[in-house]
Amino acid sequence: MSSNSASSSDLLTQVRSHEVAIAELNNISSSRAVYQRKGNIFFQTTIQKATVFEQKQLDTAKARLQKLSSS
């Protein structure tokens, strides 16, 4: 999806998805395995790395939504 073709509803869905992922990661037991999708493959990672990745994705989606709203 290119940044120009994203609708506000698509971006809101992305924001909510990342928020849920972060909440789940914050509540997962440290003994559980965590996997992060890269392309079509899932790789094992740490909770911290997955949380940082999701937070960056959330920040990007929020910035795009803000830019779309201000246009």
PDB file of N, CA and C in Angstrom:
ATOM      1  N   MET A   1       0.841  -1.169   0.000  1.00  0.00           N
ATOM      2  CA  MET A   1       0.000   0.000   0.000  1.00  0.00           C
ATOM      3  C   MET A   1       0.884   1.228   0.000  1.00  0.00           C
ATOM      4  N   SER A   2       0.723   2.098  -0.952  1.00  0.00           N
ATOM      5  CA  SER A   2       1.517   3.313  -0.983  1.00  0.00           C
ATOM      6  C   SER A   2       0.898   4.345  -0.064  1.00  0.00           C
ATOM      7  N   SER A   3       1.700   5.308   0.370  1.00  0.00           N
ATOM      8  CA  SER A   3       1.213   6.302   1.314  1.00  0.00           C
ATOM      9  C   SER A   3       0.102   7.156   0.719  1.00  0.00           C
ATOM     10  N   ASN A   4       0.069   7.306  -0.601  1.00  0.00           N
ATOM     11  CA  ASN A   4      -0.954   8.118  -1.230  1.00  0.00           C
ATOM     12  C   ASN A   4      -2.295   7.413  -1.325  1.00  0.00           C
ATOM     13  N   SER A   5      -2.310   6.092  -1.296  1.00  0.00           N
ATOM     14  CA  SER A   5      -3.545   5.361  -1.488  1.00  0.00           C
ATOM     15  C   SER A   5      -4.212   4.951  -0.176  1.00  0.00           C
ATOM     16  N   ALA A   6      -3.588   5.228   0.956  1.00  0.00           N
ATOM     17  CA  ALA A   6      -4.153   4.833   2.240  1.00  0.00           C
ATOM     18  C   ALA A   6      -5.289   5.768   2.632  1.00  0.00           C
ATOM     19  N   SER A   7      -6.440   5.182   2.938  1.00  0.00           N
ATOM     20  CA  SER A   7      -7.566   5.983   3.402  1.00  0.00           C
ATOM     21  C   SER A   7      -7.469   6.131   4.918  1.00  0.00           C
ATOM     22  N   SER A   8      -8.242   7.079   5.449  1.00  0.00           N
ATOM     23  CA  SER A   8      -8.201   7.284   6.896  1.00  0.00           C
ATOM     24  C   SER A   8      -8.717   6.050   7.633  1.00  0.00           C
ATOM     25  N   SER A   9      -9.692   5.346   7.074  1.00  0.00           N
ATOM     26  CA  SER A   9     -10.185   4.135   7.748  1.00  0.00           C
ATOM     27  C   SER A   9      -9.124   3.035   7.739  1.00  0.00           C
ATOM     28  N   ASP A  10      -8.359   2.919   6.645  1.00  0.00           N
ATOM     29  CA  ASP A  10      -7.251   1.956   6.595  1.00  0.00           C
ATOM     30  C   ASP A  10      -6.204   2.289   7.648  1.00  0.00           C
ATOM     31  N   LEU A  11      -5.883   3.565   7.769  1.00  0.00           N
ATOM     32  CA  LEU A  11      -4.878   3.986   8.733  1.00  0.00           C
ATOM     33  C   LEU A  11      -5.372   3.787  10.160  1.00  0.00           C
ATOM     34  N   LEU A  12      -6.648   4.062  10.417  1.00  0.00           N
ATOM     35  CA  LEU A  12      -7.207   3.823  11.755  1.00  0.00           C
ATOM     36  C   LEU A  12      -7.140   2.342  12.110  1.00  0.00           C
ATOM     37  N   THR A  13      -7.404   1.494  11.140  1.00  0.00           N
ATOM     38  CA  THR A  13      -7.308   0.052  11.354  1.00  0.00           C
ATOM     39  C   THR A  13      -5.875  -0.339  11.688  1.00  0.00           C
ATOM     40  N   GLN A  14      -4.909   0.238  10.971  1.00  0.00           N
ATOM     41  CA  GLN A  14      -3.496  -0.041  11.245  1.00  0.00           C
ATOM     42  C   GLN A  14      -3.114   0.423  12.640  1.00  0.00           C
ATOM     43  N   VAL A  15      -3.555   1.635  13.023  1.00  0.00           N
ATOM     44  CA  VAL A  15      -3.248   2.185  14.343  1.00  0.00           C
ATOM     45  C   VAL A  15      -3.788   1.255  15.427  1.00  0.00           C
ATOM     46  N   ARG A  16      -5.033   0.858  15.298  1.00  0.00           N
ATOM     47  CA  ARG A  16      -5.642  -0.024  16.310  1.00  0.00           C
ATOM     48  C   ARG A  16      -4.930  -1.372  16.364  1.00  0.00           C
ATOM     49  N   SER A  17      -4.550  -1.887  15.214  1.00  0.00           N
ATOM     50  CA  SER A  17      -3.842  -3.163  15.165  1.00  0.00           C
ATOM     51  C   SER A  17      -2.509  -3.085  15.906  1.00  0.00           C
ATOM     52  N   HIS A  18      -1.768  -2.017  15.683  1.00  0.00           N
ATOM     53  CA  HIS A  18      -0.474  -1.850  16.358  1.00  0.00           C
ATOM     54  C   HIS A  18      -0.670  -1.614  17.852  1.00  0.00           C
ATOM     55  N   GLU A  19      -1.714  -0.873  18.231  1.00  0.00           N
ATOM     56  CA  GLU A  19      -1.995  -0.651  19.647  1.00  0.00           C
ATOM     57  C   GLU A  19      -2.321  -1.965  20.355  1.00  0.00           C
ATOM     58  N   VAL A  20      -3.098  -2.812  19.706  1.00  0.00           N
ATOM     59  CA  VAL A  20      -3.428  -4.124  20.283  1.00  0.00           C
ATOM     60  C   VAL A  20      -2.171  -4.978  20.401  1.00  0.00           C
ATOM     61  N   ALA A  21      -1.336  -4.965  19.365  1.00  0.00           N
ATOM     62  CA  ALA A  21      -0.097  -5.754  19.402  1.00  0.00           C
ATOM     63  C   ALA A  21       0.788  -5.310  20.557  1.00  0.00           C
ATOM     64  N   ILE A  22       0.913  -4.000  20.765  1.00  0.00           N
ATOM     65  CA  ILE A  22       1.736  -3.479  21.862  1.00  0.00           C
ATOM     66  C   ILE A  22       1.149  -3.891  23.209  1.00  0.00           C
ATOM     67  N   ALA A  23      -0.165  -3.787  23.355  1.00  0.00           N
ATOM     68  CA  ALA A  23      -0.811  -4.190  24.604  1.00  0.00           C
ATOM     69  C   ALA A  23      -0.586  -5.673  24.879  1.00  0.00           C
ATOM     70  N   GLU A  24      -0.703  -6.489  23.857  1.00  0.00           N
ATOM     71  CA  GLU A  24      -0.464  -7.929  24.011  1.00  0.00           C
ATOM     72  C   GLU A  24       0.985  -8.202  24.394  1.00  0.00           C
ATOM     73  N   LEU A  25       1.916  -7.522  23.746  1.00  0.00           N
ATOM     74  CA  LEU A  25       3.331  -7.721  24.057  1.00  0.00           C
ATOM     75  C   LEU A  25       3.655  -7.287  25.484  1.00  0.00           C
ATOM     76  N   ASN A  26       2.986  -6.232  25.961  1.00  0.00           N
ATOM     77  CA  ASN A  26       3.219  -5.751  27.323  1.00  0.00           C
ATOM     78  C   ASN A  26       2.679  -6.720  28.377  1.00  0.00           C
ATOM     79  N   ASN A  27       1.746  -7.578  27.979  1.00  0.00           N
ATOM     80  CA  ASN A  27       1.124  -8.488  28.936  1.00  0.00           C
ATOM     81  C   ASN A  27       1.546  -9.942  28.762  1.00  0.00           C
ATOM     82  N   ILE A  28       2.472 -10.192  27.876  1.00  0.00           N
ATOM     83  CA  ILE A  28       2.900 -11.568  27.625  1.00  0.00           C
ATOM     84  C   ILE A  28       3.979 -11.962  28.638  1.00  0.00           C
ATOM     85  N   SER A  29       3.948 -13.208  29.032  1.00  0.00           N
ATOM     86  CA  SER A  29       4.950 -13.731  29.955  1.00  0.00           C
ATOM     87  C   SER A  29       6.320 -13.729  29.275  1.00  0.00           C
ATOM     88  N   SER A  30       7.340 -13.368  30.036  1.00  0.00           N
ATOM     89  CA  SER A  30       8.693 -13.297  29.464  1.00  0.00           C
ATOM     90  C   SER A  30       9.208 -14.665  29.021  1.00  0.00           C
ATOM     91  N   SER A  31       8.556 -15.724  29.458  1.00  0.00           N
ATOM     92  CA  SER A  31       8.994 -17.066  29.056  1.00  0.00           C
ATOM     93  C   SER A  31       8.386 -17.502  27.723  1.00  0.00           C
ATOM     94  N   ARG A  32       7.464 -16.739  27.190  1.00  0.00           N
ATOM     95  CA  ARG A  32       6.802 -17.103  25.929  1.00  0.00           C
ATOM     96  C   ARG A  32       7.654 -16.708  24.730  1.00  0.00           C
ATOM     97  N   ALA A  33       7.559 -17.506  23.689  1.00  0.00           N
ATOM     98  CA  ALA A  33       8.258 -17.196  22.439  1.00  0.00           C
ATOM     99  C   ALA A  33       7.476 -16.116  21.694  1.00  0.00           C
ATOM    100  N   VAL A  34       8.198 -15.209  21.064  1.00  0.00           N
ATOM    101  CA  VAL A  34       7.590 -14.125  20.294  1.00  0.00           C
ATOM    102  C   VAL A  34       8.145 -14.197  18.878  1.00  0.00           C
ATOM    103  N   TYR A  35       7.260 -14.040  17.919  1.00  0.00           N
ATOM    104  CA  TYR A  35       7.662 -14.084  16.517  1.00  0.00           C
ATOM    105  C   TYR A  35       7.242 -12.803  15.824  1.00  0.00           C
ATOM    106  N   GLN A  36       8.082 -12.338  14.921  1.00  0.00           N
ATOM    107  CA  GLN A  36       7.811 -11.118  14.160  1.00  0.00           C
ATOM    108  C   GLN A  36       7.810 -11.475  12.684  1.00  0.00           C
ATOM    109  N   ARG A  37       6.800 -10.995  11.998  1.00  0.00           N
ATOM    110  CA  ARG A  37       6.679 -11.285  10.571  1.00  0.00           C
ATOM    111  C   ARG A  37       7.551 -10.333   9.766  1.00  0.00           C
ATOM    112  N   LYS A  38       8.343 -10.912   8.886  1.00  0.00           N
ATOM    113  CA  LYS A  38       9.172 -10.141   7.956  1.00  0.00           C
ATOM    114  C   LYS A  38       8.915 -10.737   6.584  1.00  0.00           C
ATOM    115  N   GLY A  39       8.162 -10.012   5.775  1.00  0.00           N
ATOM    116  CA  GLY A  39       7.751 -10.562   4.490  1.00  0.00           C
ATOM    117  C   GLY A  39       6.715 -11.633   4.732  1.00  0.00           C
ATOM    118  N   ASN A  40       6.961 -12.816   4.205  1.00  0.00           N
ATOM    119  CA  ASN A  40       6.044 -13.936   4.405  1.00  0.00           C
ATOM    120  C   ASN A  40       6.565 -14.946   5.420  1.00  0.00           C
ATOM    121  N   ILE A  41       7.608 -14.572   6.153  1.00  0.00           N
ATOM    122  CA  ILE A  41       8.247 -15.498   7.085  1.00  0.00           C
ATOM    123  C   ILE A  41       8.219 -14.902   8.491  1.00  0.00           C
ATOM    124  N   PHE A  42       8.017 -15.755   9.500  1.00  0.00           N
ATOM    125  CA  PHE A  42       8.050 -15.326  10.889  1.00  0.00           C
ATOM    126  C   PHE A  42       9.390 -15.712  11.506  1.00  0.00           C
ATOM    127  N   PHE A  43      10.002 -14.754  12.223  1.00  0.00           N
ATOM    128  CA  PHE A  43      11.280 -14.979  12.878  1.00  0.00           C
ATOM    129  C   PHE A  43      11.109 -14.792  14.374  1.00  0.00           C
ATOM    130  N   GLN A  44      11.752 -15.648  15.153  1.00  0.00           N
ATOM    131  CA  GLN A  44      11.690 -15.500  16.602  1.00  0.00           C
ATOM    132  C   GLN A  44      12.481 -14.262  17.000  1.00  0.00           C
ATOM    133  N   THR A  45      11.960 -13.517  17.964  1.00  0.00           N
ATOM    134  CA  THR A  45      12.605 -12.301  18.425  1.00  0.00           C
ATOM    135  C   THR A  45      12.326 -12.129  19.908  1.00  0.00           C
ATOM    136  N   THR A  46      12.779 -11.029  20.484  1.00  0.00           N
ATOM    137  CA  THR A  46      12.505 -10.748  21.893  1.00  0.00           C
ATOM    138  C   THR A  46      11.255  -9.877  22.002  1.00  0.00           C
ATOM    139  N   ILE A  47      10.661  -9.887  23.174  1.00  0.00           N
ATOM    140  CA  ILE A  47       9.488  -9.042  23.414  1.00  0.00           C
ATOM    141  C   ILE A  47       9.864  -7.574  23.219  1.00  0.00           C
ATOM    142  N   GLN A  48      11.025  -7.189  23.696  1.00  0.00           N
ATOM    143  CA  GLN A  48      11.460  -5.795  23.579  1.00  0.00           C
ATOM    144  C   GLN A  48      11.608  -5.371  22.122  1.00  0.00           C
ATOM    145  N   LYS A  49      12.243  -6.203  21.323  1.00  0.00           N
ATOM    146  CA  LYS A  49      12.434  -5.860  19.908  1.00  0.00           C
ATOM    147  C   LYS A  49      11.101  -5.802  19.181  1.00  0.00           C
ATOM    148  N   ALA A  50      10.203  -6.730  19.489  1.00  0.00           N
ATOM    149  CA  ALA A  50       8.887  -6.725  18.853  1.00  0.00           C
ATOM    150  C   ALA A  50       8.094  -5.486  19.264  1.00  0.00           C
ATOM    151  N   THR A  51       8.207  -5.083  20.523  1.00  0.00           N
ATOM    152  CA  THR A  51       7.506  -3.896  21.008  1.00  0.00           C
ATOM    153  C   THR A  51       8.040  -2.637  20.329  1.00  0.00           C
ATOM    154  N   VAL A  52       9.345  -2.530  20.207  1.00  0.00           N
ATOM    155  CA  VAL A  52       9.952  -1.373  19.527  1.00  0.00           C
ATOM    156  C   VAL A  52       9.490  -1.312  18.074  1.00  0.00           C
ATOM    157  N   PHE A  53       9.478  -2.457  17.398  1.00  0.00           N
ATOM    158  CA  PHE A  53       9.031  -2.510  16.012  1.00  0.00           C
ATOM    159  C   PHE A  53       7.576  -2.054  15.896  1.00  0.00           C
ATOM    160  N   GLU A  54       6.713  -2.575  16.747  1.00  0.00           N
ATOM    161  CA  GLU A  54       5.292  -2.206  16.704  1.00  0.00           C
ATOM    162  C   GLU A  54       5.097  -0.732  17.031  1.00  0.00           C
ATOM    163  N   GLN A  55       5.870  -0.195  17.973  1.00  0.00           N
ATOM    164  CA  GLN A  55       5.756   1.218  18.325  1.00  0.00           C
ATOM    165  C   GLN A  55       6.159   2.099  17.146  1.00  0.00           C
ATOM    166  N   LYS A  56       7.212   1.717  16.433  1.00  0.00           N
ATOM    167  CA  LYS A  56       7.628   2.477  15.250  1.00  0.00           C
ATOM    168  C   LYS A  56       6.543   2.438  14.181  1.00  0.00           C
ATOM    169  N   GLN A  57       5.937   1.260  13.983  1.00  0.00           N
ATOM    170  CA  GLN A  57       4.857   1.137  13.005  1.00  0.00           C
ATOM    171  C   GLN A  57       3.651   1.976  13.424  1.00  0.00           C
ATOM    172  N   LEU A  58       3.349   1.982  14.723  1.00  0.00           N
ATOM    173  CA  LEU A  58       2.243   2.787  15.248  1.00  0.00           C
ATOM    174  C   LEU A  58       2.517   4.272  15.025  1.00  0.00           C
ATOM    175  N   ASP A  59       3.716   4.721  15.343  1.00  0.00           N
ATOM    176  CA  ASP A  59       4.076   6.134  15.154  1.00  0.00           C
ATOM    177  C   ASP A  59       3.963   6.535  13.688  1.00  0.00           C
ATOM    178  N   THR A  60       4.413   5.666  12.789  1.00  0.00           N
ATOM    179  CA  THR A  60       4.325   5.942  11.353  1.00  0.00           C
ATOM    180  C   THR A  60       2.874   6.049  10.903  1.00  0.00           C
ATOM    181  N   ALA A  61       2.051   5.115  11.331  1.00  0.00           N
ATOM    182  CA  ALA A  61       0.632   5.134  10.947  1.00  0.00           C
ATOM    183  C   ALA A  61      -0.070   6.369  11.495  1.00  0.00           C
ATOM    184  N   LYS A  62       0.240   6.753  12.742  1.00  0.00           N
ATOM    185  CA  LYS A  62      -0.369   7.952  13.331  1.00  0.00           C
ATOM    186  C   LYS A  62       0.067   9.207  12.583  1.00  0.00           C
ATOM    187  N   ALA A  63       1.334   9.275  12.202  1.00  0.00           N
ATOM    188  CA  ALA A  63       1.842  10.432  11.450  1.00  0.00           C
ATOM    189  C   ALA A  63       1.149  10.530  10.096  1.00  0.00           C
ATOM    190  N   ARG A  64       0.977   9.393   9.426  1.00  0.00           N
ATOM    191  CA  ARG A  64       0.292   9.399   8.125  1.00  0.00           C
ATOM    192  C   ARG A  64      -1.160   9.805   8.279  1.00  0.00           C
ATOM    193  N   LEU A  65      -1.802   9.345   9.349  1.00  0.00           N
ATOM    194  CA  LEU A  65      -3.199   9.703   9.609  1.00  0.00           C
ATOM    195  C   LEU A  65      -3.317  11.198   9.893  1.00  0.00           C
ATOM    196  N   GLN A  66      -2.394  11.727  10.670  1.00  0.00           N
ATOM    197  CA  GLN A  66      -2.384  13.162  10.983  1.00  0.00           C
ATOM    198  C   GLN A  66      -2.169  13.974   9.710  1.00  0.00           C
ATOM    199  N   LYS A  67      -1.252  13.539   8.867  1.00  0.00           N
ATOM    200  CA  LYS A  67      -0.988  14.241   7.609  1.00  0.00           C
ATOM    201  C   LYS A  67      -2.219  14.218   6.710  1.00  0.00           C
ATOM    202  N   LEU A  68      -2.901  13.066   6.656  1.00  0.00           N
ATOM    203  CA  LEU A  68      -4.102  12.926   5.850  1.00  0.00           C
ATOM    204  C   LEU A  68      -5.226  13.811   6.397  1.00  0.00           C
ATOM    205  N   SER A  69      -5.345  13.890   7.704  1.00  0.00           N
ATOM    206  CA  SER A  69      -6.389  14.697   8.336  1.00  0.00           C
ATOM    207  C   SER A  69      -6.171  16.191   8.148  1.00  0.00           C
ATOM    208  N   SER A  70      -4.899  16.593   8.070  1.00  0.00           N
ATOM    209  CA  SER A  70      -4.595  18.019   7.938  1.00  0.00           C
ATOM    210  C   SER A  70      -4.616  18.494   6.478  1.00  0.00           C
ATOM    211  N   SER A  71      -4.729  17.586   5.550  1.00  0.00           N
ATOM    212  CA  SER A  71      -4.735  17.945   4.124  1.00  0.00           C
ATOM    213  C   SER A  71      -6.074  18.508   3.695  1.00  0.00           C
TER     214      SER A  71
END
